[in-house]
Amino acid sequence: MTAVITKEATGAGGTRNPSRRRRAGGGRSPAEGSYALFLLPGALAFLVVIVVPFVMNTGISFTDWSGVGTPEFTGLDNYEKLVGDEDFWESFRHSLAMVVAMALVPTALGIVLASALFDVVAKHAGNRWASVLRACFYLPQVLPIAVAGIVWSWILAPENGSLNDLLGAVGLDALQQDWLGDPDWALYSVMGVMVWVQIGFPLVIFMSGLQRLDPALHEAAELDGAGWWGRFWHVTLPQLRPEIGVVLLWCTIAALKVFGMVYVLTGGGPGGSTNVPSYFAYQNFFENFQASYGAAVSTVLTILIMVLAVVALRLQTKAEDEA
C-alpha cells in the first residue's frame, strides 16, 4: 500500500517537515519559545522598580510609621483620616486644574498648531521651517524640570522679574503681580508654565498623525470650497481621534502625578494654594515625618491613575472597534 503525504506535512523537496508537524500537534517551535528571553529583562525591571515598591508602599499605608523605627499596624486609620482631610481634597482640586493646564489646553492648542504647521507653514514656507518651529515647540519637553522651573521663577519674580518689567515697559503697571507669591495668582501662574512645558508633546504626536492622512481628502474638501478651518474641523479632526485619545490619556496621567515644577516654583505654597497630591505625599514623607500617611496618599493616587488608564484604554478600543 502506498502512503499518501499531504503538503502540510512535507517540505519543498517532499520530505517531512518536523517543525510544522510539531506546531500542528499543539507544540511550540524553539524560536517561539525563545521570545520569552527577550521579555525577561523588562519583566524583572518592572517587578523590581514598580511592583515591589508599590506593594511595600501599600503595606506601609496600613501602619503608623514616622519613617524610622518599627511600623505599627493600624489598619485603615490612614485612609479614614484621608476622607476627612481638607488639605488632601484641596490638593486633588488643584490636580483638576493641572489636568486643564497639561491635558485639555495643550491638546486643543497642539492640534491647531500641528495642523497649521503641516497644512500652511509646510506648504508655503517649506518643510524645513515647519521642522524648525516644531523643534522650538518641543524644546520645553527636553529641558530638565529644575532648569525650566528656575528660569520661570526669574521671569515671574515680583522684583526685577522679566514679566513685570515687560508690563511696566508697555505701560501696564497695574497688571504687575507677585505671580508666585500671591495665593490668588500662584496656581494660575503654575498652570501657565505647565501649558508651555506640555504643548510640544501633543504637537509632535498630531504632526505624526497628520502624515498618515490621505491628502485626497483635503484636496476634495478644498475643491468643494472648504477653507482651512472647514478642512480642519470636518476632515483633520475626525481622522485624528486615535491620536487625541492617546494624548489626552498620557497628559492627564502626567498632570495627576506632576511634582517637579510645583516643587521648584512654589513648594506647594503660598498657603497650600498650589499643593497637589504628589507633593502632599512628599510633605508627609519628608517634612511632617508621617511616612505611613504619605504612603496612603501615594497609594490612592496610584490606584486612581491605574483605573483611569484602564477605563480610557477600553473606551478607545471600543471606539476603534466600532469605527
Protein backbone atom coordinates (compact mmCIF):
# COMPACT_ATOMS: atom_id res chain seq x y z
CA MET A 1 0.00 0.00 0.00
CA THR A 2 1.30 3.44 -0.96
CA ALA A 3 1.42 6.11 1.76
CA VAL A 4 -0.06 9.49 0.89
CA ILE A 5 1.80 12.50 2.30
CA THR A 6 0.00 15.81 2.34
CA LYS A 7 1.64 19.16 1.51
CA GLU A 8 1.21 20.35 5.06
CA ALA A 9 3.43 17.55 6.33
CA THR A 10 6.12 17.86 3.67
CA GLY A 11 8.76 20.43 2.81
CA ALA A 12 9.63 21.79 -0.61
CA GLY A 13 11.50 18.62 -1.56
CA GLY A 14 8.79 16.23 -0.48
CA THR A 15 10.38 15.40 2.89
CA ARG A 16 8.54 15.59 6.11
CA ASN A 17 8.65 18.94 7.94
CA PRO A 18 9.05 18.15 11.67
CA SER A 19 8.62 21.75 12.85
CA ARG A 20 5.29 22.05 11.01
CA ARG A 21 4.20 18.70 12.43
CA ARG A 22 5.01 19.90 15.96
CA ARG A 23 3.01 23.11 15.52
CA ALA A 24 0.05 21.19 14.08
CA GLY A 25 0.10 18.94 17.11
CA GLY A 26 -0.07 21.89 19.50
CA GLY A 27 3.66 22.15 20.23
CA ARG A 28 5.78 25.27 20.07
CA SER A 29 8.85 25.82 17.91
CA PRO A 30 12.18 26.69 19.58
CA ALA A 31 12.09 30.18 18.03
CA GLU A 32 8.72 30.90 19.61
CA GLY A 33 9.93 29.65 22.97
CA SER A 34 12.99 31.91 22.88
CA TYR A 35 10.84 35.06 22.71
CA ALA A 36 10.38 34.86 26.47
CA LEU A 37 14.10 35.53 26.94
CA PHE A 38 13.70 38.99 25.39
CA LEU A 39 10.80 39.79 27.75
CA LEU A 40 12.69 38.67 30.85
CA PRO A 41 14.81 41.85 31.43
CA GLY A 42 11.80 44.13 31.10
CA ALA A 43 9.70 41.89 33.34
CA LEU A 44 12.40 41.86 36.02
CA ALA A 45 12.80 45.64 35.83
CA PHE A 46 9.02 46.11 36.10
CA LEU A 47 8.95 43.79 39.11
CA VAL A 48 11.83 45.49 40.93
CA VAL A 49 11.05 49.12 40.07
CA ILE A 50 7.22 49.10 40.00
CA VAL A 51 5.57 46.09 41.64
CA VAL A 52 7.77 45.61 44.71
CA PRO A 53 7.86 49.33 45.72
CA PHE A 54 4.09 49.62 45.20
CA VAL A 55 3.40 46.57 47.39
CA MET A 56 5.76 47.88 50.08
CA ASN A 57 4.20 51.35 49.92
CA THR A 58 0.71 49.87 50.21
CA GLY A 59 1.80 47.82 53.21
CA ILE A 60 3.23 50.91 54.93
CA SER A 61 -0.05 52.75 54.39
CA PHE A 62 -1.74 50.33 56.83
CA THR A 63 0.66 51.23 59.63
CA ASP A 64 1.62 54.13 61.87
CA TRP A 65 5.23 54.89 60.93
CA SER A 66 7.30 58.06 61.05
CA GLY A 67 9.99 56.72 58.72
CA VAL A 68 12.23 55.36 61.46
CA GLY A 69 11.73 52.58 63.94
CA THR A 70 9.25 49.75 63.65
CA PRO A 71 5.89 50.31 61.89
CA GLU A 72 2.79 49.62 63.97
CA PHE A 73 -0.18 48.11 62.15
CA THR A 74 -3.25 50.37 62.37
CA GLY A 75 -5.48 49.02 59.60
CA LEU A 76 -7.48 51.60 57.66
CA ASP A 77 -6.80 54.51 60.02
CA ASN A 78 -4.76 56.47 57.45
CA TYR A 79 -7.45 56.09 54.80
CA GLU A 80 -10.15 57.17 57.24
CA LYS A 81 -8.03 60.22 58.01
CA LEU A 82 -7.75 60.97 54.28
CA VAL A 83 -11.52 61.07 53.87
CA GLY A 84 -11.81 63.96 56.30
CA ASP A 85 -8.58 65.76 55.40
CA GLU A 86 -9.45 69.04 53.69
CA ASP A 87 -5.82 69.57 52.62
CA PHE A 88 -5.93 66.23 50.79
CA TRP A 89 -9.10 67.11 48.89
CA GLU A 90 -7.81 70.60 48.16
CA SER A 91 -4.71 69.07 46.55
CA PHE A 92 -6.95 66.96 44.32
CA ARG A 93 -8.90 70.04 43.27
CA HIS A 94 -5.60 71.58 42.26
CA SER A 95 -4.91 68.41 40.26
CA LEU A 96 -8.06 69.08 38.24
CA ALA A 97 -6.64 72.49 37.40
CA MET A 98 -3.42 70.78 36.31
CA VAL A 99 -5.42 68.45 34.07
CA VAL A 100 -6.81 71.53 32.34
CA ALA A 101 -3.33 73.05 32.01
CA MET A 102 -1.47 69.90 31.00
CA ALA A 103 -4.08 67.91 29.06
CA LEU A 104 -7.05 69.89 27.77
CA VAL A 105 -5.37 73.17 26.80
CA PRO A 106 -2.20 71.62 25.27
CA THR A 107 -4.30 69.11 23.32
CA ALA A 108 -6.52 71.83 21.87
CA LEU A 109 -3.61 74.16 21.07
CA GLY A 110 -1.42 71.30 19.88
CA ILE A 111 -3.85 70.04 17.29
CA VAL A 112 -4.45 73.54 15.90
CA LEU A 113 -0.73 74.36 15.78
CA ALA A 114 0.12 70.97 14.25
CA SER A 115 -2.48 71.48 11.53
CA ALA A 116 -1.19 74.99 10.86
CA LEU A 117 2.43 73.81 10.61
CA PHE A 118 1.51 70.83 8.44
CA ASP A 119 -1.08 72.45 6.20
CA VAL A 120 0.08 76.08 6.00
CA VAL A 121 3.71 76.56 7.02
CA ALA A 122 5.00 73.44 5.27
CA LYS A 123 3.18 74.31 2.05
CA HIS A 124 4.11 77.97 1.89
CA ALA A 125 7.48 78.15 3.69
CA GLY A 126 8.73 74.59 3.23
CA ASN A 127 9.15 71.53 5.44
CA ARG A 128 12.39 72.89 6.89
CA TRP A 129 10.66 75.83 8.56
CA ALA A 130 7.88 73.58 9.79
CA SER A 131 10.50 71.27 11.36
CA VAL A 132 12.30 74.20 12.99
CA LEU A 133 9.09 75.51 14.55
CA ARG A 134 8.12 72.01 15.68
CA ALA A 135 11.51 71.66 17.41
CA CYS A 136 11.04 75.03 19.12
CA PHE A 137 7.66 73.99 20.50
CA TYR A 138 9.08 70.65 21.66
CA LEU A 139 12.14 72.17 23.35
CA PRO A 140 10.48 72.57 26.80
CA GLN A 141 9.88 68.81 26.85
CA VAL A 142 13.60 68.03 26.77
CA LEU A 143 14.67 70.71 29.26
CA PRO A 144 15.28 69.48 32.82
CA ILE A 145 12.35 70.43 35.04
CA ALA A 146 14.67 72.08 37.57
CA VAL A 147 16.26 74.29 34.91
CA ALA A 148 12.92 75.31 33.40
CA GLY A 149 11.49 75.98 36.85
CA ILE A 150 14.38 78.20 37.92
CA VAL A 151 14.19 80.20 34.69
CA TRP A 152 10.45 80.73 35.13
CA SER A 153 10.93 81.74 38.76
CA TRP A 154 13.21 84.51 37.47
CA ILE A 155 10.66 85.53 34.85
CA LEU A 156 7.79 85.62 37.36
CA ALA A 157 9.75 87.24 40.21
CA PRO A 158 7.92 90.24 41.74
CA GLU A 159 11.07 92.40 41.77
CA ASN A 160 13.08 92.66 38.55
CA GLY A 161 11.13 89.75 37.03
CA SER A 162 11.03 89.80 33.23
CA LEU A 163 7.24 89.64 33.04
CA ASN A 164 6.66 92.55 35.41
CA ASP A 165 9.41 94.58 33.71
CA LEU A 166 7.76 93.94 30.34
CA LEU A 167 4.35 95.01 31.65
CA GLY A 168 5.90 98.16 33.07
CA ALA A 169 7.69 98.92 29.81
CA VAL A 170 4.44 98.87 27.84
CA GLY A 171 2.54 100.96 30.36
CA LEU A 172 0.60 98.12 32.04
CA ASP A 173 1.94 98.66 35.54
CA ALA A 174 -1.48 97.92 37.01
CA LEU A 175 -1.17 94.31 35.84
CA GLN A 176 2.09 93.66 37.67
CA GLN A 177 1.70 90.93 40.28
CA ASP A 178 3.60 88.74 42.70
CA TRP A 179 2.82 85.86 40.39
CA LEU A 180 4.12 83.02 42.55
CA GLY A 181 3.70 84.63 45.98
CA ASP A 182 0.06 85.69 45.77
CA PRO A 183 -2.39 82.86 46.64
CA ASP A 184 -4.87 84.27 44.13
CA TRP A 185 -2.37 84.08 41.25
CA ALA A 186 0.08 81.30 42.14
CA LEU A 187 -1.97 78.38 40.81
CA TYR A 188 -2.76 80.18 37.54
CA SER A 189 0.93 81.04 37.13
CA VAL A 190 1.97 77.41 37.58
CA MET A 191 -0.77 76.36 35.14
CA GLY A 192 0.57 78.79 32.54
CA VAL A 193 4.08 77.40 32.91
CA MET A 194 2.78 73.84 32.56
CA VAL A 195 0.97 74.73 29.32
CA TRP A 196 4.32 75.96 27.98
CA VAL A 197 6.06 72.77 29.12
CA GLN A 198 3.44 70.36 27.82
CA ILE A 199 2.37 71.77 24.46
CA GLY A 200 5.26 70.24 22.47
CA PHE A 201 4.22 66.64 23.15
CA PRO A 202 0.73 66.75 21.59
CA LEU A 203 2.02 68.88 18.73
CA VAL A 204 4.59 66.24 17.73
CA ILE A 205 2.06 63.40 18.08
CA PHE A 206 -0.53 65.22 15.97
CA MET A 207 2.01 66.10 13.27
CA SER A 208 2.92 62.42 13.06
CA GLY A 209 -0.77 61.56 12.79
CA LEU A 210 -1.30 64.10 10.02
CA GLN A 211 1.30 62.33 7.89
CA ARG A 212 -0.88 59.21 7.69
CA LEU A 213 -3.95 61.08 6.43
CA ASP A 214 -4.90 60.75 2.78
CA PRO A 215 -4.14 64.08 1.03
CA ALA A 216 -7.01 63.40 -1.34
CA LEU A 217 -9.46 64.11 1.48
CA HIS A 218 -8.13 67.64 1.92
CA GLU A 219 -7.96 68.16 -1.83
CA ALA A 220 -11.58 67.08 -2.25
CA ALA A 221 -12.70 69.38 0.57
CA GLU A 222 -10.74 72.27 -0.96
CA LEU A 223 -12.35 71.66 -4.35
CA ASP A 224 -15.74 71.80 -2.64
CA GLY A 225 -14.87 75.29 -1.40
CA ALA A 226 -13.87 74.47 2.18
CA GLY A 227 -11.40 76.88 3.76
CA TRP A 228 -8.60 75.95 6.14
CA TRP A 229 -10.86 75.95 9.19
CA GLY A 230 -13.52 73.90 7.40
CA ARG A 231 -10.94 71.30 6.33
CA PHE A 232 -9.54 71.21 9.85
CA TRP A 233 -12.93 70.77 11.53
CA HIS A 234 -14.55 68.31 9.13
CA VAL A 235 -11.54 66.36 7.80
CA THR A 236 -8.49 66.63 10.05
CA LEU A 237 -10.14 66.47 13.46
CA PRO A 238 -12.24 63.31 12.89
CA GLN A 239 -9.24 61.50 11.39
CA LEU A 240 -7.06 62.24 14.43
CA ARG A 241 -9.33 60.65 17.04
CA PRO A 242 -6.85 57.84 17.93
CA GLU A 243 -4.05 60.35 18.49
CA ILE A 244 -6.34 62.62 20.52
CA GLY A 245 -7.24 59.72 22.81
CA VAL A 246 -3.59 58.81 23.37
CA VAL A 247 -2.55 62.42 24.04
CA LEU A 248 -5.40 63.07 26.48
CA LEU A 249 -4.67 59.88 28.41
CA TRP A 250 -0.91 60.44 28.56
CA CYS A 251 -1.18 64.12 29.50
CA THR A 252 -3.89 63.50 32.11
CA ILE A 253 -1.71 60.93 33.84
CA ALA A 254 1.22 63.36 33.72
CA ALA A 255 -1.00 66.06 35.28
CA LEU A 256 -2.14 63.81 38.13
CA LYS A 257 1.42 62.94 39.11
CA VAL A 258 3.03 66.35 38.47
CA PHE A 259 5.64 67.16 41.10
CA GLY A 260 8.87 68.73 39.84
CA MET A 261 7.56 72.09 38.65
CA VAL A 262 5.45 72.61 41.78
CA TYR A 263 8.46 71.75 43.94
CA VAL A 264 10.76 74.20 42.13
CA LEU A 265 8.34 77.10 41.63
CA THR A 266 6.23 77.28 44.78
CA GLY A 267 6.88 74.32 47.09
CA GLY A 268 3.11 73.86 47.26
CA GLY A 269 2.57 77.39 48.57
CA PRO A 270 1.75 80.02 49.30
CA GLY A 271 -0.57 78.64 51.96
CA GLY A 272 -1.07 75.38 50.07
CA SER A 273 -2.61 77.17 47.10
CA THR A 274 -0.57 75.12 44.59
CA ASN A 275 -0.31 71.86 46.50
CA VAL A 276 -1.02 68.68 44.51
CA PRO A 277 -1.34 65.05 45.72
CA SER A 278 2.20 64.02 44.78
CA TYR A 279 3.69 66.98 46.62
CA PHE A 280 1.27 66.46 49.53
CA ALA A 281 2.59 62.89 49.84
CA TYR A 282 6.18 64.21 49.70
CA GLN A 283 5.43 66.68 52.52
CA ASN A 284 4.11 63.91 54.73
CA PHE A 285 7.02 61.62 53.94
CA PHE A 286 9.93 64.02 54.38
CA GLU A 287 8.69 67.18 56.13
CA ASN A 288 5.98 66.03 58.54
CA PHE A 289 7.59 62.61 59.28
CA GLN A 290 4.30 60.83 58.64
CA ALA A 291 5.56 58.24 56.17
CA SER A 292 2.55 55.97 56.57
CA TYR A 293 0.12 58.80 55.82
CA GLY A 294 2.18 59.83 52.79
CA ALA A 295 2.11 56.20 51.66
CA ALA A 296 -1.69 56.22 51.86
CA VAL A 297 -1.84 59.34 49.68
CA SER A 298 0.54 57.73 47.16
CA THR A 299 -1.49 54.51 47.09
CA VAL A 300 -4.76 56.34 46.42
CA LEU A 301 -3.13 58.39 43.66
CA THR A 302 -1.61 55.29 42.04
CA ILE A 303 -4.90 53.40 42.07
CA LEU A 304 -6.70 56.42 40.60
CA ILE A 305 -4.19 56.63 37.75
CA MET A 306 -4.42 52.88 37.07
CA VAL A 307 -8.22 52.96 36.95
CA LEU A 308 -8.18 55.99 34.67
CA ALA A 309 -5.71 54.31 32.29
CA VAL A 310 -7.70 51.05 32.12
CA VAL A 311 -11.02 52.82 31.52
CA ALA A 312 -9.56 55.15 28.89
CA LEU A 313 -7.87 52.30 27.01
CA ARG A 314 -11.07 50.23 26.99
CA LEU A 315 -13.11 53.15 25.72
CA GLN A 316 -10.57 53.81 22.99
CA THR A 317 -10.50 50.15 21.97
CA LYS A 318 -14.31 50.07 21.84
CA ALA A 319 -14.39 53.21 19.71
CA GLU A 320 -11.82 51.76 17.29
CA ASP A 321 -13.78 48.51 17.00
CA GLU A 322 -16.98 50.40 16.22
CA ALA A 323 -15.28 52.61 13.62
